[in-house]
Amino acid sequence: MEVKIGVQHAPREIVLESGQTAEDVERAVADALGGKSQLLSLVDDHGRKVLVPADRLAYVEIGEQTVRKVGFGAL
């Protein structure tokens, strides 16, 4: 799923493809904003970890699960 993270005082947003579920991402964001964690920590499809300080989060946009299609069949 695609996750977009807006960071305060940064000109660009962070965009990553994550294998985590929408519920996992939402839980991580809620923990960061609720004070349980000082960092928002997400892992992308390539195993890279993205860390954003919770006090710098502007917004987090959680996209839908993407299903990869194989072949050239008609839609």
C-alpha atoms as a PDB file:
ATOM      1  CA  MET A   1       0.000   0.000   0.000  1.00  0.00           C
ATOM      2  CA  GLU A   2       1.117   3.539  -0.650  1.00  0.00           C
ATOM      3  CA  VAL A   3       1.736   5.776   2.363  1.00  0.00           C
ATOM      4  CA  LYS A   4       2.371   9.523   2.063  1.00  0.00           C
ATOM      5  CA  ILE A   5       3.820  11.385   5.042  1.00  0.00           C
ATOM      6  CA  GLY A   6       3.859  15.160   5.274  1.00  0.00           C
ATOM      7  CA  VAL A   7       6.600  16.594   7.460  1.00  0.00           C
ATOM      8  CA  GLN A   8       6.462  20.111   8.894  1.00  0.00           C
ATOM      9  CA  HIS A   9       8.999  22.550   7.401  1.00  0.00           C
ATOM     10  CA  ALA A  10       9.902  20.090   4.620  1.00  0.00           C
ATOM     11  CA  PRO A  11       9.151  21.025   1.010  1.00  0.00           C
ATOM     12  CA  ARG A  12       8.360  17.463  -0.112  1.00  0.00           C
ATOM     13  CA  GLU A  13       6.333  14.622   1.318  1.00  0.00           C
ATOM     14  CA  ILE A  14       7.720  11.144   1.973  1.00  0.00           C
ATOM     15  CA  VAL A  15       6.114   8.490  -0.250  1.00  0.00           C
ATOM     16  CA  LEU A  16       6.679   4.792   0.339  1.00  0.00           C
ATOM     17  CA  GLU A  17       5.196   1.458  -0.651  1.00  0.00           C
ATOM     18  CA  SER A  18       4.671  -0.658   2.440  1.00  0.00           C
ATOM     19  CA  GLY A  19       3.663  -4.262   2.934  1.00  0.00           C
ATOM     20  CA  GLN A  20       2.099  -3.365   6.283  1.00  0.00           C
ATOM     21  CA  THR A  21      -1.687  -3.358   6.570  1.00  0.00           C
ATOM     22  CA  ALA A  22      -3.669  -0.125   6.836  1.00  0.00           C
ATOM     23  CA  GLU A  23      -4.491  -1.015  10.448  1.00  0.00           C
ATOM     24  CA  ASP A  24      -0.789  -1.432  11.305  1.00  0.00           C
ATOM     25  CA  VAL A  25       0.094   1.924   9.762  1.00  0.00           C
ATOM     26  CA  GLU A  26      -2.827   3.631  11.480  1.00  0.00           C
ATOM     27  CA  ARG A  27      -1.840   2.099  14.827  1.00  0.00           C
ATOM     28  CA  ALA A  28       1.776   3.301  14.413  1.00  0.00           C
ATOM     29  CA  VAL A  29       0.569   6.836  13.592  1.00  0.00           C
ATOM     30  CA  ALA A  30      -1.835   6.849  16.548  1.00  0.00           C
ATOM     31  CA  ASP A  31       0.931   5.695  18.903  1.00  0.00           C
ATOM     32  CA  ALA A  32       3.263   8.421  17.639  1.00  0.00           C
ATOM     33  CA  LEU A  33       0.645  11.168  17.920  1.00  0.00           C
ATOM     34  CA  GLY A  34      -0.660   9.869  21.249  1.00  0.00           C
ATOM     35  CA  GLY A  35       2.752  10.135  22.891  1.00  0.00           C
ATOM     36  CA  LYS A  36       3.402   6.394  23.225  1.00  0.00           C
ATOM     37  CA  SER A  37       6.316   6.712  20.799  1.00  0.00           C
ATOM     38  CA  GLN A  38       8.504   9.676  19.872  1.00  0.00           C
ATOM     39  CA  LEU A  39       9.013   8.370  16.329  1.00  0.00           C
ATOM     40  CA  LEU A  40       6.745   7.152  13.557  1.00  0.00           C
ATOM     41  CA  SER A  41       8.478   4.035  12.268  1.00  0.00           C
ATOM     42  CA  LEU A  42       7.388   2.328   9.026  1.00  0.00           C
ATOM     43  CA  VAL A  43       9.076  -0.296   6.825  1.00  0.00           C
ATOM     44  CA  ASP A  44       8.862  -0.139   3.031  1.00  0.00           C
ATOM     45  CA  ASP A  45       8.709  -3.032   0.538  1.00  0.00           C
ATOM     46  CA  HIS A  46      12.507  -3.086   0.219  1.00  0.00           C
ATOM     47  CA  GLY A  47      13.053  -3.507   3.972  1.00  0.00           C
ATOM     48  CA  ARG A  48      14.156   0.093   4.558  1.00  0.00           C
ATOM     49  CA  LYS A  49      12.916   1.696   7.746  1.00  0.00           C
ATOM     50  CA  VAL A  50      11.514   5.233   7.632  1.00  0.00           C
ATOM     51  CA  LEU A  51      11.620   7.179  10.914  1.00  0.00           C
ATOM     52  CA  VAL A  52       9.854  10.515  11.364  1.00  0.00           C
ATOM     53  CA  PRO A  53       9.784  12.473  14.650  1.00  0.00           C
ATOM     54  CA  ALA A  54       6.207  12.479  15.944  1.00  0.00           C
ATOM     55  CA  ASP A  55       6.269  16.206  16.703  1.00  0.00           C
ATOM     56  CA  ARG A  56       7.084  16.970  13.034  1.00  0.00           C
ATOM     57  CA  LEU A  57       4.183  15.022  11.465  1.00  0.00           C
ATOM     58  CA  ALA A  58       1.885  17.213   9.393  1.00  0.00           C
ATOM     59  CA  TYR A  59      -0.287  14.452   7.873  1.00  0.00           C
ATOM     60  CA  VAL A  60      -0.268  10.781   6.907  1.00  0.00           C
ATOM     61  CA  GLU A  61      -2.226   9.569   3.891  1.00  0.00           C
ATOM     62  CA  ILE A  62      -2.879   5.836   3.746  1.00  0.00           C
ATOM     63  CA  GLY A  63      -3.710   4.492   0.275  1.00  0.00           C
ATOM     64  CA  GLU A  64      -5.592   1.386  -0.693  1.00  0.00           C
ATOM     65  CA  GLN A  65      -4.067  -2.041  -1.076  1.00  0.00           C
ATOM     66  CA  THR A  66      -2.745  -2.397  -4.618  1.00  0.00           C
ATOM     67  CA  VAL A  67      -3.171  -5.706  -6.401  1.00  0.00           C
ATOM     68  CA  ARG A  68      -0.563  -6.378  -9.043  1.00  0.00           C
ATOM     69  CA  LYS A  69      -1.970  -7.691 -12.275  1.00  0.00           C
ATOM     70  CA  VAL A  70      -0.086 -10.194 -14.381  1.00  0.00           C
ATOM     71  CA  GLY A  71      -0.580 -10.706 -18.092  1.00  0.00           C
ATOM     72  CA  PHE A  72      -2.144  -8.799 -20.912  1.00  0.00           C
ATOM     73  CA  GLY A  73      -5.771  -9.889 -20.594  1.00  0.00           C
ATOM     74  CA  ALA A  74      -8.716  -7.589 -21.160  1.00  0.00           C
ATOM     75  CA  LEU A  75      -9.966  -5.604 -18.182  1.00  0.00           C
END
